[in-house]
Amino acid sequence: MSYNSISSLSGLEKCKNLKVLYMGNNKISDLQGVLRSLKRLVYLKHLDLFGNPAAQESNYRHHVIYHLPWLQVLDRHVITDEE
């Protein structure tokens, strides 16, 4: 779903078995809204939000990892144990 001018992930929380989500280069700017939509997707392992305004926020990567601890890959980079 990359490169589609999408601005919200609202409604995605219904996709409970989602494992991979590529949303790069859209218009998603509300990081808190993203986390609200994804916090119930405990099977989600790969998430790509690269190129969205939300990904430019201070401490973005650590904030997402903290709220979605089951992720394995964020923006095409493996999440390390230290993170």
Protein backbone atom coordinates (compact mmCIF):
# COMPACT_ATOMS: atom_id res chain seq x y z
CA MET A 1 0.00 0.00 0.00
CA SER A 2 3.01 2.27 -0.48
CA TYR A 3 2.88 5.40 -2.66
CA ASN A 4 -0.88 5.94 -2.40
CA SER A 5 -1.29 9.27 -0.56
CA ILE A 6 -2.84 7.42 2.40
CA SER A 7 -3.09 9.64 5.47
CA SER A 8 -4.55 7.32 8.12
CA LEU A 9 -4.47 3.69 9.21
CA SER A 10 -7.90 3.93 10.81
CA GLY A 11 -9.85 0.70 10.36
CA LEU A 12 -6.73 -1.42 9.92
CA GLU A 13 -7.08 -2.71 13.49
CA LYS A 14 -9.71 -5.11 12.13
CA CYS A 15 -7.01 -7.03 10.23
CA LYS A 16 -5.94 -8.94 13.34
CA ASN A 17 -3.84 -11.54 11.49
CA LEU A 18 -1.79 -9.04 9.49
CA LYS A 19 1.92 -9.94 9.54
CA VAL A 20 3.49 -7.51 7.05
CA LEU A 21 2.47 -3.92 6.33
CA TYR A 22 4.25 -1.71 3.81
CA MET A 23 2.91 1.85 4.03
CA GLY A 24 6.01 3.72 2.88
CA ASN A 25 5.86 7.08 1.14
CA ASN A 26 2.30 8.01 1.97
CA LYS A 27 0.98 11.03 3.90
CA ILE A 28 0.69 9.52 7.36
CA SER A 29 1.50 12.23 9.89
CA ASP A 30 -0.26 11.16 13.11
CA LEU A 31 2.11 8.75 14.85
CA GLN A 32 -0.21 8.36 17.84
CA GLY A 33 -3.04 7.44 15.48
CA VAL A 34 -0.82 4.86 13.81
CA LEU A 35 0.03 3.29 17.15
CA ARG A 36 -3.64 3.23 18.18
CA SER A 37 -4.52 1.42 14.95
CA LEU A 38 -1.67 -1.10 15.22
CA LYS A 39 -1.53 -1.86 18.95
CA ARG A 40 -3.90 -4.83 18.61
CA LEU A 41 -2.09 -6.37 15.64
CA VAL A 42 0.12 -8.66 17.71
CA TYR A 43 1.01 -10.82 14.70
CA LEU A 44 2.49 -7.84 12.83
CA LYS A 45 6.22 -8.52 12.36
CA HIS A 46 7.28 -6.19 9.52
CA LEU A 47 6.19 -2.55 9.39
CA ASP A 48 7.37 0.05 6.88
CA LEU A 49 6.40 3.69 7.41
CA PHE A 50 9.52 5.15 5.76
CA GLY A 51 8.87 8.34 3.84
CA ASN A 52 5.84 9.40 5.87
CA PRO A 53 5.80 12.62 7.93
CA ALA A 54 5.24 10.53 11.10
CA ALA A 55 8.58 8.80 10.52
CA GLN A 56 10.34 12.17 10.84
CA GLU A 57 9.22 12.70 14.44
CA SER A 58 11.84 12.80 17.16
CA ASN A 59 12.60 9.32 18.57
CA TYR A 60 10.14 7.81 16.07
CA ARG A 61 11.88 4.42 15.85
CA HIS A 62 12.17 3.94 19.60
CA HIS A 63 8.61 5.13 20.14
CA VAL A 64 7.21 2.57 17.66
CA ILE A 65 9.33 -0.26 19.07
CA TYR A 66 8.23 0.57 22.62
CA HIS A 67 4.53 0.50 21.71
CA LEU A 68 4.74 -2.48 19.33
CA PRO A 69 7.32 -4.75 21.01
CA TRP A 70 6.44 -7.76 18.85
CA LEU A 71 7.79 -6.11 15.68
CA GLN A 72 10.89 -7.70 14.17
CA VAL A 73 11.56 -5.26 11.31
CA LEU A 74 10.81 -1.54 11.15
CA ASP A 75 11.43 0.47 7.99
CA ARG A 76 13.48 -2.31 6.41
CA HIS A 77 15.86 -2.58 9.39
CA VAL A 78 15.88 -5.50 11.80
CA ILE A 79 15.07 -4.45 15.35
CA THR A 80 17.98 -5.31 17.62
CA ASP A 81 17.83 -6.52 21.22
CA GLU A 82 19.40 -3.23 22.33
CA GLU A 83 16.56 -1.28 20.76
